């Protein structure tokens, strides 16, 4: 059985931390854009219910709060992903962050967002 890995540069290329940081950015940006969109839609429903039945306005605030929580979920996932990104080794400059972890963290950030 032959191995496809010929050197450490195949497993630990220099560009893999960029994938992890793109996952962090995707988690924060996409979840906050979704939260802002949800807040916009929920606020329109609060305005519509305020016109028709003003006594139910406080009950309709719950969807706005829940839409705002989406941004916090994205921040939590971004912190978890960022804590797994490892700095390059000082002695030889080789990154300790594999391609697998980079792609997995990018996909996790995009899925969260």
Protein backbone atom coordinates (compact mmCIF):
# COMPACT_ATOMS: atom_id res chain seq x y z
CA UNK A 1 0.00 0.00 0.00
CA UNK A 2 1.48 3.33 -1.01
CA UNK A 3 1.24 6.51 0.97
CA UNK A 4 0.18 9.79 -0.60
CA UNK A 5 1.96 11.90 2.03
CA UNK A 6 5.45 12.72 0.78
CA UNK A 7 6.50 15.34 3.33
CA UNK A 8 5.31 17.31 6.31
CA UNK A 9 4.37 20.14 3.96
CA UNK A 10 1.58 17.92 2.60
CA UNK A 11 0.03 17.45 6.05
CA UNK A 12 0.97 20.79 7.62
CA UNK A 13 1.03 23.38 4.81
CA UNK A 14 1.58 27.03 5.67
CA UNK A 15 -1.88 28.12 4.47
CA UNK A 16 -4.01 25.88 6.73
CA UNK A 17 -4.39 28.39 9.61
CA UNK A 18 -6.10 30.69 7.09
CA UNK A 19 -8.87 28.09 6.77
CA UNK A 20 -9.44 28.16 10.52
CA UNK A 21 -9.53 31.94 10.62
CA UNK A 22 -11.98 31.97 7.70
CA UNK A 23 -14.16 29.60 9.76
CA UNK A 24 -14.01 32.04 12.67
CA UNK A 25 -14.99 34.93 10.41
CA UNK A 26 -17.78 32.93 8.79
CA UNK A 27 -19.25 31.96 12.16
CA UNK A 28 -19.31 35.54 13.43
CA UNK A 29 -20.38 37.29 10.23
CA UNK A 30 -23.01 34.87 8.99
CA UNK A 31 -24.65 34.36 12.38
CA UNK A 32 -24.85 38.10 12.99
CA UNK A 33 -26.27 38.74 9.52
CA UNK A 34 -28.88 36.06 10.20
CA UNK A 35 -29.63 37.57 13.60
CA UNK A 36 -30.03 41.02 12.06
CA UNK A 37 -32.36 39.65 9.40
CA UNK A 38 -34.40 37.83 12.05
CA UNK A 39 -34.58 40.99 14.15
CA UNK A 40 -35.82 42.93 11.12
CA UNK A 41 -38.58 40.42 10.38
CA UNK A 42 -39.59 40.14 14.05
CA UNK A 43 -39.64 43.92 14.48
CA UNK A 44 -42.01 44.23 11.54
CA UNK A 45 -44.36 41.77 13.23
CA UNK A 46 -44.17 43.73 16.49
CA UNK A 47 -45.11 46.90 14.65
CA UNK A 48 -48.00 45.17 12.92
CA UNK A 49 -49.29 43.70 16.18
CA UNK A 50 -48.90 47.05 17.94
CA UNK A 51 -51.31 48.57 15.50
CA UNK A 52 -53.92 45.82 15.71
CA UNK A 53 -53.62 44.85 19.40
CA UNK A 54 -51.31 47.02 21.54
CA UNK A 55 -51.73 44.83 24.63
CA UNK A 56 -49.80 41.97 22.95
CA UNK A 57 -46.68 43.98 22.06
CA UNK A 58 -44.60 42.75 25.02
CA UNK A 59 -45.38 39.13 24.18
CA UNK A 60 -44.11 39.70 20.63
CA UNK A 61 -40.72 40.94 21.88
CA UNK A 62 -39.60 37.31 22.45
CA UNK A 63 -38.78 36.64 18.74
CA UNK A 64 -36.58 39.75 18.66
CA UNK A 65 -34.61 38.52 21.66
CA UNK A 66 -34.28 35.03 20.19
CA UNK A 67 -32.98 36.48 16.91
CA UNK A 68 -30.38 38.45 18.85
CA UNK A 69 -29.18 35.29 20.58
CA UNK A 70 -28.09 33.91 17.19
CA UNK A 71 -25.20 36.36 17.11
CA UNK A 72 -24.06 35.17 20.51
CA UNK A 73 -24.05 31.55 19.29
CA UNK A 74 -21.80 32.57 16.43
CA UNK A 75 -19.43 34.34 18.81
CA UNK A 76 -19.22 31.26 21.05
CA UNK A 77 -18.45 28.96 18.11
CA UNK A 78 -15.86 31.44 16.82
CA UNK A 79 -14.07 31.45 20.18
CA UNK A 80 -14.08 27.64 20.27
CA UNK A 81 -12.66 27.42 16.75
CA UNK A 82 -10.07 30.11 17.43
CA UNK A 83 -8.81 28.35 20.54
CA UNK A 84 -7.99 25.29 18.43
CA UNK A 85 -5.79 27.17 15.96
CA UNK A 86 -2.17 26.53 16.89
CA UNK A 87 0.72 28.90 16.29
CA UNK A 88 3.67 27.74 14.18
CA UNK A 89 6.59 26.07 15.94
CA UNK A 90 9.19 28.67 16.90
CA UNK A 91 12.22 26.46 16.23
CA UNK A 92 11.51 25.55 12.60
CA UNK A 93 8.51 27.71 11.61
CA UNK A 94 6.42 24.64 10.75
CA UNK A 95 2.72 24.99 11.45
CA UNK A 96 1.13 22.41 13.75
CA UNK A 97 -2.33 22.87 12.22
CA UNK A 98 -3.33 20.09 9.82
CA UNK A 99 -5.36 20.40 6.65
CA UNK A 100 -8.06 18.24 8.20
CA UNK A 101 -8.48 20.59 11.17
CA UNK A 102 -8.43 23.62 8.87
CA UNK A 103 -11.16 22.34 6.57
CA UNK A 104 -13.18 21.04 9.53
CA UNK A 105 -13.05 24.41 11.28
CA UNK A 106 -13.97 26.25 8.07
CA UNK A 107 -17.00 23.98 7.61
CA UNK A 108 -17.97 24.33 11.28
CA UNK A 109 -17.92 28.11 11.01
CA UNK A 110 -19.98 28.09 7.85
CA UNK A 111 -22.51 25.65 9.33
CA UNK A 112 -22.88 27.73 12.47
CA UNK A 113 -23.35 30.89 10.43
